[in-house]
Amino acid sequence: VLSAEHRARVAVVDPNPGKIESALAHGAEFGWVVPRSGPTSEVDRAISSWAPEGIPALIDTSGAPAAIERAVAWAGPRGRVVLFGVSSPQARISLSPTTMFSKELTLTATAGMTDESFASAVDLLRRGILNPAALTAKQVGLEEARGLLLGQLPQPEGKVLVQPGETAS
């Protein structure tokens, strides 16, 4: 989460209302709940109102083909779409080369796990630009982690931090 003085205009789209609420609480300007599949005309209109020229930079963290296709549609002229989400090996996307060409889009795929990306993250933390305290994680012990991974326990909202010495909470 960026500190207040480093925030830009940020909007979030997610099928999970809880994630939208969290993003808004941490400084996103707008957030819209979008269905995982099917029509998105209501969200399309809201985004068009928020960014009439299109969105200059989009980051997909889902890896879902529908989300990637939507990001390209919502991108503005000379927009940049970054694919950060992990897709299944069978996933395929359908993109119009004409759309990519006419908008002059840049589509970048990244795993984001390079020595440089970790060094940049550490630098942002040291300088106080990122506030990790805002990203609270549920802490679980190994036994509870096992249950979560096997689907035997309900999945918590947000990230889970496994602490091997912790007992179940």
N, C-alpha and C. Protein backbone atom coordinates (compact mmCIF):
# COMPACT_ATOMS: atom_id res chain seq x y z
N VAL A 1 0.85 -1.17 0.00
CA VAL A 1 0.00 0.00 0.00
C VAL A 1 0.89 1.23 0.00
N LEU A 2 0.61 2.16 -0.90
CA LEU A 2 1.40 3.37 -1.00
C LEU A 2 1.04 4.36 0.09
N SER A 3 2.04 5.08 0.57
CA SER A 3 1.76 6.14 1.54
C SER A 3 0.97 7.24 0.84
N ALA A 4 0.27 8.07 1.60
CA ALA A 4 -0.65 9.07 1.04
C ALA A 4 0.03 9.99 0.05
N GLU A 5 1.25 10.41 0.32
CA GLU A 5 1.89 11.36 -0.59
C GLU A 5 2.39 10.74 -1.89
N HIS A 6 2.33 9.42 -2.00
CA HIS A 6 2.79 8.75 -3.22
C HIS A 6 1.66 8.11 -4.02
N ARG A 7 0.43 8.39 -3.65
CA ARG A 7 -0.70 7.78 -4.35
C ARG A 7 -0.98 8.49 -5.66
N ALA A 8 -1.34 7.71 -6.64
CA ALA A 8 -1.82 8.23 -7.91
C ALA A 8 -3.30 7.86 -7.98
N ARG A 9 -3.95 8.23 -9.06
CA ARG A 9 -5.34 7.81 -9.24
C ARG A 9 -5.35 6.31 -9.46
N VAL A 10 -5.98 5.61 -8.56
CA VAL A 10 -6.04 4.15 -8.63
C VAL A 10 -7.48 3.70 -8.50
N ALA A 11 -7.86 2.78 -9.38
CA ALA A 11 -9.17 2.15 -9.30
C ALA A 11 -8.94 0.64 -9.32
N VAL A 12 -9.87 -0.09 -8.73
CA VAL A 12 -9.73 -1.54 -8.61
C VAL A 12 -11.01 -2.20 -9.11
N VAL A 13 -10.82 -3.29 -9.84
CA VAL A 13 -11.94 -4.10 -10.31
C VAL A 13 -11.69 -5.52 -9.83
N ASP A 14 -12.70 -6.12 -9.20
CA ASP A 14 -12.53 -7.47 -8.67
C ASP A 14 -13.91 -8.09 -8.50
N PRO A 15 -14.01 -9.41 -8.63
CA PRO A 15 -15.31 -10.05 -8.36
C PRO A 15 -15.63 -10.15 -6.87
N ASN A 16 -14.66 -9.93 -6.02
CA ASN A 16 -14.84 -10.07 -4.59
C ASN A 16 -15.09 -8.69 -3.95
N PRO A 17 -16.30 -8.43 -3.45
CA PRO A 17 -16.59 -7.13 -2.84
C PRO A 17 -15.67 -6.80 -1.67
N GLY A 18 -15.23 -7.80 -0.92
CA GLY A 18 -14.33 -7.57 0.20
C GLY A 18 -13.00 -6.98 -0.24
N LYS A 19 -12.51 -7.42 -1.39
CA LYS A 19 -11.25 -6.87 -1.91
C LYS A 19 -11.43 -5.43 -2.37
N ILE A 20 -12.60 -5.12 -2.92
CA ILE A 20 -12.89 -3.74 -3.32
C ILE A 20 -12.91 -2.86 -2.07
N GLU A 21 -13.59 -3.30 -1.03
CA GLU A 21 -13.67 -2.53 0.22
C GLU A 21 -12.27 -2.31 0.80
N SER A 22 -11.44 -3.32 0.77
CA SER A 22 -10.08 -3.19 1.28
C SER A 22 -9.27 -2.19 0.46
N ALA A 23 -9.40 -2.27 -0.86
CA ALA A 23 -8.67 -1.35 -1.73
C ALA A 23 -9.11 0.10 -1.48
N LEU A 24 -10.40 0.31 -1.32
CA LEU A 24 -10.91 1.66 -1.04
C LEU A 24 -10.41 2.15 0.32
N ALA A 25 -10.36 1.27 1.28
CA ALA A 25 -9.88 1.64 2.62
C ALA A 25 -8.39 1.98 2.60
N HIS A 26 -7.66 1.44 1.62
CA HIS A 26 -6.23 1.69 1.54
C HIS A 26 -5.87 2.72 0.47
N GLY A 27 -6.84 3.49 0.01
CA GLY A 27 -6.51 4.62 -0.83
C GLY A 27 -6.93 4.56 -2.28
N ALA A 28 -7.53 3.47 -2.75
CA ALA A 28 -8.02 3.47 -4.13
C ALA A 28 -9.12 4.51 -4.26
N GLU A 29 -9.16 5.16 -5.39
CA GLU A 29 -10.16 6.21 -5.61
C GLU A 29 -11.54 5.62 -5.88
N PHE A 30 -11.58 4.56 -6.68
CA PHE A 30 -12.83 3.89 -7.01
C PHE A 30 -12.61 2.39 -7.05
N GLY A 31 -13.69 1.66 -6.95
CA GLY A 31 -13.63 0.21 -7.07
C GLY A 31 -14.97 -0.31 -7.55
N TRP A 32 -14.91 -1.29 -8.43
CA TRP A 32 -16.13 -1.86 -8.98
C TRP A 32 -16.07 -3.38 -8.88
N VAL A 33 -17.20 -3.96 -8.49
CA VAL A 33 -17.33 -5.41 -8.48
C VAL A 33 -17.72 -5.83 -9.90
N VAL A 34 -16.94 -6.74 -10.46
CA VAL A 34 -17.18 -7.21 -11.82
C VAL A 34 -17.43 -8.72 -11.77
N PRO A 35 -18.37 -9.21 -12.58
CA PRO A 35 -18.60 -10.65 -12.58
C PRO A 35 -17.40 -11.40 -13.17
N ARG A 36 -17.21 -12.63 -12.72
CA ARG A 36 -16.11 -13.44 -13.25
C ARG A 36 -16.30 -13.75 -14.73
N SER A 37 -17.53 -13.83 -15.17
CA SER A 37 -17.82 -14.07 -16.58
C SER A 37 -19.12 -13.37 -16.92
N GLY A 38 -19.38 -13.27 -18.19
CA GLY A 38 -20.61 -12.63 -18.63
C GLY A 38 -20.44 -11.16 -18.89
N PRO A 39 -21.54 -10.47 -19.14
CA PRO A 39 -21.48 -9.06 -19.50
C PRO A 39 -20.97 -8.16 -18.38
N THR A 40 -20.27 -7.13 -18.78
CA THR A 40 -19.72 -6.17 -17.82
C THR A 40 -20.13 -4.74 -18.18
N SER A 41 -21.25 -4.60 -18.89
CA SER A 41 -21.62 -3.29 -19.41
C SER A 41 -21.75 -2.23 -18.33
N GLU A 42 -22.26 -2.58 -17.15
CA GLU A 42 -22.39 -1.59 -16.07
C GLU A 42 -21.01 -1.09 -15.62
N VAL A 43 -20.08 -2.00 -15.44
CA VAL A 43 -18.72 -1.63 -15.05
C VAL A 43 -18.04 -0.88 -16.20
N ASP A 44 -18.26 -1.32 -17.43
CA ASP A 44 -17.68 -0.63 -18.60
C ASP A 44 -18.10 0.84 -18.60
N ARG A 45 -19.38 1.10 -18.34
CA ARG A 45 -19.87 2.49 -18.31
C ARG A 45 -19.23 3.28 -17.16
N ALA A 46 -19.10 2.66 -16.00
CA ALA A 46 -18.50 3.34 -14.85
C ALA A 46 -17.04 3.67 -15.13
N ILE A 47 -16.31 2.74 -15.72
CA ILE A 47 -14.90 2.99 -16.04
C ILE A 47 -14.78 4.07 -17.10
N SER A 48 -15.65 4.04 -18.08
CA SER A 48 -15.63 5.07 -19.13
C SER A 48 -15.91 6.45 -18.54
N SER A 49 -16.77 6.51 -17.54
CA SER A 49 -17.05 7.78 -16.87
C SER A 49 -15.85 8.23 -16.04
N TRP A 50 -15.19 7.30 -15.37
CA TRP A 50 -14.04 7.60 -14.52
C TRP A 50 -12.83 7.99 -15.36
N ALA A 51 -12.62 7.30 -16.47
CA ALA A 51 -11.46 7.55 -17.34
C ALA A 51 -11.95 7.62 -18.78
N PRO A 52 -12.52 8.77 -19.19
CA PRO A 52 -13.13 8.88 -20.53
C PRO A 52 -12.19 8.56 -21.69
N GLU A 53 -10.91 8.81 -21.52
CA GLU A 53 -9.95 8.52 -22.59
C GLU A 53 -9.40 7.10 -22.51
N GLY A 54 -9.83 6.35 -21.52
CA GLY A 54 -9.29 5.02 -21.29
C GLY A 54 -8.26 5.09 -20.18
N ILE A 55 -7.90 3.95 -19.66
CA ILE A 55 -6.97 3.88 -18.53
C ILE A 55 -5.54 3.77 -19.06
N PRO A 56 -4.64 4.62 -18.57
CA PRO A 56 -3.27 4.60 -19.09
C PRO A 56 -2.43 3.40 -18.69
N ALA A 57 -2.69 2.83 -17.52
CA ALA A 57 -1.89 1.68 -17.07
C ALA A 57 -2.80 0.74 -16.29
N LEU A 58 -2.75 -0.54 -16.64
CA LEU A 58 -3.56 -1.55 -15.98
C LEU A 58 -2.67 -2.72 -15.60
N ILE A 59 -2.95 -3.30 -14.45
CA ILE A 59 -2.21 -4.48 -14.00
C ILE A 59 -3.22 -5.58 -13.72
N ASP A 60 -3.08 -6.70 -14.42
CA ASP A 60 -3.93 -7.85 -14.14
C ASP A 60 -3.19 -8.76 -13.20
N THR A 61 -3.77 -9.01 -12.03
CA THR A 61 -3.15 -9.92 -11.07
C THR A 61 -3.89 -11.24 -10.98
N SER A 62 -4.92 -11.41 -11.80
CA SER A 62 -5.74 -12.62 -11.71
C SER A 62 -5.26 -13.74 -12.62
N GLY A 63 -4.74 -13.38 -13.77
CA GLY A 63 -4.38 -14.40 -14.76
C GLY A 63 -5.58 -14.94 -15.50
N ALA A 64 -6.76 -14.45 -15.21
CA ALA A 64 -7.99 -14.92 -15.86
C ALA A 64 -8.08 -14.34 -17.27
N PRO A 65 -8.28 -15.19 -18.28
CA PRO A 65 -8.37 -14.68 -19.65
C PRO A 65 -9.40 -13.56 -19.82
N ALA A 66 -10.58 -13.69 -19.20
CA ALA A 66 -11.60 -12.63 -19.33
C ALA A 66 -11.09 -11.31 -18.77
N ALA A 67 -10.36 -11.35 -17.66
CA ALA A 67 -9.84 -10.13 -17.05
C ALA A 67 -8.78 -9.49 -17.94
N ILE A 68 -7.95 -10.29 -18.55
CA ILE A 68 -6.91 -9.76 -19.45
C ILE A 68 -7.57 -9.10 -20.66
N GLU A 69 -8.56 -9.75 -21.22
CA GLU A 69 -9.27 -9.18 -22.38
C GLU A 69 -9.96 -7.88 -22.00
N ARG A 70 -10.54 -7.83 -20.80
CA ARG A 70 -11.18 -6.59 -20.34
C ARG A 70 -10.15 -5.49 -20.16
N ALA A 71 -8.99 -5.81 -19.62
CA ALA A 71 -7.94 -4.81 -19.42
C ALA A 71 -7.55 -4.17 -20.75
N VAL A 72 -7.40 -4.98 -21.77
CA VAL A 72 -7.07 -4.45 -23.10
C VAL A 72 -8.19 -3.54 -23.60
N ALA A 73 -9.44 -3.94 -23.38
CA ALA A 73 -10.57 -3.11 -23.81
C ALA A 73 -10.62 -1.79 -23.05
N TRP A 74 -10.28 -1.81 -21.76
CA TRP A 74 -10.35 -0.60 -20.94
C TRP A 74 -9.13 0.31 -21.10
N ALA A 75 -8.08 -0.19 -21.71
CA ALA A 75 -6.85 0.61 -21.87
C ALA A 75 -7.09 1.77 -22.84
N GLY A 76 -6.44 2.88 -22.52
CA GLY A 76 -6.54 4.05 -23.38
C GLY A 76 -5.43 4.06 -24.42
N PRO A 77 -5.40 5.10 -25.25
CA PRO A 77 -4.35 5.22 -26.25
C PRO A 77 -2.97 5.18 -25.61
N ARG A 78 -2.09 4.41 -26.21
CA ARG A 78 -0.73 4.19 -25.71
C ARG A 78 -0.71 3.62 -24.30
N GLY A 79 -1.75 2.90 -23.96
CA GLY A 79 -1.87 2.30 -22.64
C GLY A 79 -0.90 1.14 -22.47
N ARG A 80 -0.68 0.85 -21.23
CA ARG A 80 0.22 -0.26 -20.88
C ARG A 80 -0.58 -1.26 -20.04
N VAL A 81 -0.58 -2.51 -20.47
CA VAL A 81 -1.27 -3.58 -19.75
C VAL A 81 -0.20 -4.56 -19.28
N VAL A 82 -0.10 -4.72 -17.96
CA VAL A 82 0.90 -5.61 -17.37
C VAL A 82 0.19 -6.86 -16.86
N LEU A 83 0.67 -8.00 -17.31
CA LEU A 83 0.12 -9.28 -16.88
C LEU A 83 1.00 -9.82 -15.77
N PHE A 84 0.46 -9.81 -14.56
CA PHE A 84 1.19 -10.25 -13.38
C PHE A 84 0.58 -11.51 -12.79
N GLY A 85 -0.68 -11.79 -13.12
CA GLY A 85 -1.37 -12.96 -12.59
C GLY A 85 -0.88 -14.24 -13.23
N VAL A 86 -1.05 -15.32 -12.51
CA VAL A 86 -0.63 -16.63 -13.00
C VAL A 86 -1.84 -17.32 -13.62
N SER A 87 -1.72 -17.68 -14.89
CA SER A 87 -2.78 -18.37 -15.61
C SER A 87 -2.49 -19.86 -15.64
N SER A 88 -3.53 -20.64 -15.87
CA SER A 88 -3.31 -22.07 -16.05
C SER A 88 -2.62 -22.28 -17.41
N PRO A 89 -1.86 -23.34 -17.56
CA PRO A 89 -1.18 -23.58 -18.85
C PRO A 89 -2.16 -23.71 -20.02
N GLN A 90 -3.40 -24.09 -19.75
CA GLN A 90 -4.38 -24.25 -20.82
C GLN A 90 -5.09 -22.94 -21.18
N ALA A 91 -4.91 -21.90 -20.40
CA ALA A 91 -5.62 -20.63 -20.62
C ALA A 91 -5.21 -20.00 -21.95
N ARG A 92 -6.19 -19.41 -22.62
CA ARG A 92 -5.96 -18.71 -23.88
C ARG A 92 -6.73 -17.40 -23.83
N ILE A 93 -6.19 -16.36 -24.49
CA ILE A 93 -6.88 -15.09 -24.58
C ILE A 93 -7.14 -14.77 -26.05
N SER A 94 -8.15 -13.98 -26.28
CA SER A 94 -8.51 -13.55 -27.62
C SER A 94 -8.35 -12.04 -27.68
N LEU A 95 -7.38 -11.59 -28.45
CA LEU A 95 -7.12 -10.16 -28.59
C LEU A 95 -7.20 -9.76 -30.05
N SER A 96 -7.69 -8.59 -30.30
CA SER A 96 -7.75 -8.05 -31.65
C SER A 96 -6.45 -7.32 -31.97
N PRO A 97 -5.70 -7.80 -32.96
CA PRO A 97 -4.49 -7.06 -33.35
C PRO A 97 -4.81 -5.62 -33.76
N THR A 98 -5.98 -5.41 -34.36
CA THR A 98 -6.37 -4.06 -34.75
C THR A 98 -6.51 -3.16 -33.52
N THR A 99 -7.10 -3.67 -32.45
CA THR A 99 -7.22 -2.89 -31.22
C THR A 99 -5.84 -2.58 -30.66
N MET A 100 -4.99 -3.59 -30.60
CA MET A 100 -3.63 -3.39 -30.08
C MET A 100 -2.91 -2.33 -30.91
N PHE A 101 -3.03 -2.43 -32.23
CA PHE A 101 -2.34 -1.51 -33.15
C PHE A 101 -2.92 -0.10 -33.06
N SER A 102 -4.25 0.01 -33.15
CA SER A 102 -4.86 1.34 -33.19
C SER A 102 -4.70 2.10 -31.88
N LYS A 103 -4.67 1.38 -30.75
CA LYS A 103 -4.45 2.03 -29.47
C LYS A 103 -2.96 2.18 -29.15
N GLU A 104 -2.11 1.54 -29.93
CA GLU A 104 -0.66 1.53 -29.68
C GLU A 104 -0.37 1.02 -28.26
N LEU A 105 -0.97 -0.11 -27.93
CA LEU A 105 -0.83 -0.67 -26.60
C LEU A 105 0.48 -1.41 -26.41
N THR A 106 0.94 -1.39 -25.18
CA THR A 106 2.08 -2.21 -24.77
C THR A 106 1.55 -3.27 -23.83
N LEU A 107 1.78 -4.52 -24.16
CA LEU A 107 1.36 -5.64 -23.34
C LEU A 107 2.62 -6.31 -22.82
N THR A 108 2.77 -6.34 -21.49
CA THR A 108 3.97 -6.89 -20.87
C THR A 108 3.57 -7.99 -19.90
N ALA A 109 4.26 -9.10 -19.97
CA ALA A 109 4.03 -10.18 -19.02
C ALA A 109 5.26 -10.27 -18.11
N THR A 110 5.01 -10.42 -16.82
CA THR A 110 6.12 -10.48 -15.88
C THR A 110 5.77 -11.36 -14.70
N ALA A 111 6.73 -12.11 -14.25
CA ALA A 111 6.55 -12.87 -13.02
C ALA A 111 6.87 -11.98 -11.83
N GLY A 112 7.61 -10.89 -12.07
CA GLY A 112 7.90 -9.92 -11.02
C GLY A 112 8.81 -10.41 -9.92
N MET A 113 9.41 -11.55 -10.11
CA MET A 113 10.25 -12.10 -9.05
C MET A 113 11.70 -12.16 -9.50
N THR A 114 12.26 -10.96 -9.72
CA THR A 114 13.66 -10.87 -10.10
C THR A 114 14.44 -10.25 -8.95
N ASP A 115 15.74 -10.36 -9.00
CA ASP A 115 16.57 -9.71 -7.98
C ASP A 115 16.28 -8.21 -7.95
N GLU A 116 16.08 -7.62 -9.14
CA GLU A 116 15.82 -6.18 -9.22
C GLU A 116 14.48 -5.82 -8.57
N SER A 117 13.45 -6.66 -8.79
CA SER A 117 12.14 -6.33 -8.22
C SER A 117 12.17 -6.43 -6.69
N PHE A 118 12.90 -7.42 -6.16
CA PHE A 118 13.01 -7.51 -4.70
C PHE A 118 13.81 -6.34 -4.15
N ALA A 119 14.88 -5.95 -4.82
CA ALA A 119 15.68 -4.81 -4.38
C ALA A 119 14.84 -3.53 -4.40
N SER A 120 14.03 -3.36 -5.44
CA SER A 120 13.16 -2.18 -5.51
C SER A 120 12.15 -2.17 -4.38
N ALA A 121 11.57 -3.34 -4.08
CA ALA A 121 10.59 -3.43 -2.99
C ALA A 121 11.23 -3.08 -1.66
N VAL A 122 12.41 -3.59 -1.41
CA VAL A 122 13.11 -3.29 -0.16
C VAL A 122 13.40 -1.80 -0.08
N ASP A 123 13.82 -1.21 -1.19
CA ASP A 123 14.10 0.23 -1.21
C ASP A 123 12.83 1.04 -0.89
N LEU A 124 11.70 0.67 -1.49
CA LEU A 124 10.45 1.37 -1.23
C LEU A 124 10.02 1.23 0.24
N LEU A 125 10.27 0.07 0.81
CA LEU A 125 9.96 -0.14 2.24
C LEU A 125 10.87 0.72 3.11
N ARG A 126 12.16 0.72 2.82
CA ARG A 126 13.12 1.51 3.61
C ARG A 126 12.80 2.99 3.58
N ARG A 127 12.38 3.49 2.42
CA ARG A 127 12.10 4.92 2.28
C ARG A 127 10.70 5.29 2.77
N GLY A 128 9.93 4.31 3.22
CA GLY A 128 8.60 4.60 3.75
C GLY A 128 7.55 4.87 2.70
N ILE A 129 7.83 4.54 1.45
CA ILE A 129 6.85 4.76 0.38
C ILE A 129 5.78 3.68 0.42
N LEU A 130 6.15 2.47 0.77
CA LEU A 130 5.17 1.39 0.95
C LEU A 130 4.89 1.20 2.43
N ASN A 131 3.64 0.92 2.74
CA ASN A 131 3.23 0.71 4.13
C ASN A 131 2.75 -0.74 4.28
N PRO A 132 3.64 -1.66 4.65
CA PRO A 132 3.23 -3.06 4.75
C PRO A 132 2.27 -3.33 5.90
N ALA A 133 2.21 -2.46 6.89
CA ALA A 133 1.30 -2.68 8.01
C ALA A 133 -0.15 -2.70 7.55
N ALA A 134 -0.44 -2.02 6.45
CA ALA A 134 -1.81 -1.98 5.93
C ALA A 134 -2.21 -3.30 5.28
N LEU A 135 -1.26 -4.13 4.99
CA LEU A 135 -1.56 -5.42 4.35
C LEU A 135 -1.55 -6.52 5.40
N THR A 136 -2.52 -6.47 6.27
CA THR A 136 -2.56 -7.44 7.36
C THR A 136 -2.87 -8.82 6.83
N ALA A 137 -2.13 -9.78 7.31
CA ALA A 137 -2.33 -11.17 6.89
C ALA A 137 -2.83 -11.98 8.07
N LYS A 138 -3.59 -12.99 7.76
CA LYS A 138 -3.98 -13.96 8.79
C LYS A 138 -2.75 -14.83 9.03
N GLN A 139 -2.37 -14.98 10.26
CA GLN A 139 -1.23 -15.83 10.60
C GLN A 139 -1.74 -17.18 11.06
N VAL A 140 -1.17 -18.23 10.49
CA VAL A 140 -1.59 -19.58 10.84
C VAL A 140 -0.36 -20.45 11.09
N GLY A 141 -0.55 -21.48 11.85
CA GLY A 141 0.49 -22.48 12.05
C GLY A 141 0.46 -23.50 10.92
N LEU A 142 1.40 -24.44 10.95
CA LEU A 142 1.49 -25.43 9.89
C LEU A 142 0.25 -26.30 9.76
N GLU A 143 -0.32 -26.70 10.89
CA GLU A 143 -1.49 -27.58 10.83
C GLU A 143 -2.68 -26.87 10.19
N GLU A 144 -2.90 -25.60 10.58
CA GLU A 144 -3.99 -24.84 9.98
C GLU A 144 -3.71 -24.58 8.51
N ALA A 145 -2.46 -24.32 8.16
CA ALA A 145 -2.09 -24.12 6.76
C ALA A 145 -2.43 -25.36 5.94
N ARG A 146 -2.15 -26.52 6.51
CA ARG A 146 -2.48 -27.78 5.82
C ARG A 146 -3.97 -27.85 5.52
N GLY A 147 -4.79 -27.53 6.51
CA GLY A 147 -6.24 -27.55 6.32
C GLY A 147 -6.71 -26.55 5.28
N LEU A 148 -6.10 -25.37 5.25
CA LEU A 148 -6.46 -24.37 4.24
C LEU A 148 -6.10 -24.86 2.84
N LEU A 149 -4.89 -25.40 2.70
CA LEU A 149 -4.43 -25.86 1.39
C LEU A 149 -5.25 -27.04 0.88
N LEU A 150 -5.71 -27.88 1.77
CA LEU A 150 -6.51 -29.05 1.37
C LEU A 150 -7.99 -28.71 1.22
N GLY A 151 -8.36 -27.46 1.47
CA GLY A 151 -9.76 -27.05 1.34
C GLY A 151 -10.64 -27.54 2.47
N GLN A 152 -10.04 -27.95 3.59
CA GLN A 152 -10.81 -28.45 4.72
C GLN A 152 -11.27 -27.32 5.64
N LEU A 153 -10.70 -26.14 5.48
CA LEU A 153 -11.07 -24.97 6.29
C LEU A 153 -11.52 -23.86 5.35
N PRO A 154 -12.39 -22.96 5.82
CA PRO A 154 -12.82 -21.85 4.97
C PRO A 154 -11.63 -20.93 4.65
N GLN A 155 -11.60 -20.46 3.41
CA GLN A 155 -10.52 -19.58 2.97
C GLN A 155 -10.72 -18.18 3.55
N PRO A 156 -9.71 -17.64 4.24
CA PRO A 156 -9.83 -16.29 4.79
C PRO A 156 -9.69 -15.24 3.70
N GLU A 157 -10.18 -14.03 3.98
CA GLU A 157 -9.98 -12.90 3.08
C GLU A 157 -8.51 -12.49 3.14
N GLY A 158 -7.95 -12.13 2.04
CA GLY A 158 -6.59 -11.61 2.02
C GLY A 158 -5.53 -12.69 2.07
N LYS A 159 -4.34 -12.27 2.35
CA LYS A 159 -3.16 -13.15 2.35
C LYS A 159 -3.04 -13.90 3.66
N VAL A 160 -2.39 -15.05 3.58
CA VAL A 160 -2.16 -15.88 4.75
C VAL A 160 -0.66 -15.99 4.95
N LEU A 161 -0.22 -15.74 6.16
CA LEU A 161 1.19 -15.87 6.51
C LEU A 161 1.35 -17.11 7.37
N VAL A 162 2.18 -18.04 6.90
CA VAL A 162 2.39 -19.28 7.64
C VAL A 162 3.57 -19.09 8.58
N GLN A 163 3.29 -19.25 9.87
CA GLN A 163 4.29 -19.15 10.92
C GLN A 163 4.48 -20.55 11.50
N PRO A 164 5.55 -21.26 11.15
CA PRO A 164 5.70 -22.66 11.59
C PRO A 164 5.55 -22.86 13.09
N GLY A 165 5.93 -21.91 13.93
CA GLY A 165 5.84 -22.09 15.38
C GLY A 165 4.49 -21.76 15.97
N GLU A 166 3.56 -21.23 15.17
CA GLU A 166 2.25 -20.82 15.66
C GLU A 166 1.35 -22.02 15.87
N THR A 167 0.41 -21.88 16.79
CA THR A 167 -0.62 -22.90 16.96
C THR A 167 -1.88 -22.41 16.27
N ALA A 168 -2.82 -23.29 16.04
CA ALA A 168 -4.05 -22.93 15.34
C ALA A 168 -4.77 -21.81 16.07
N SER A 169 -5.35 -20.90 15.30
CA SER A 169 -6.10 -19.79 15.91
C SER A 169 -7.58 -19.98 15.77
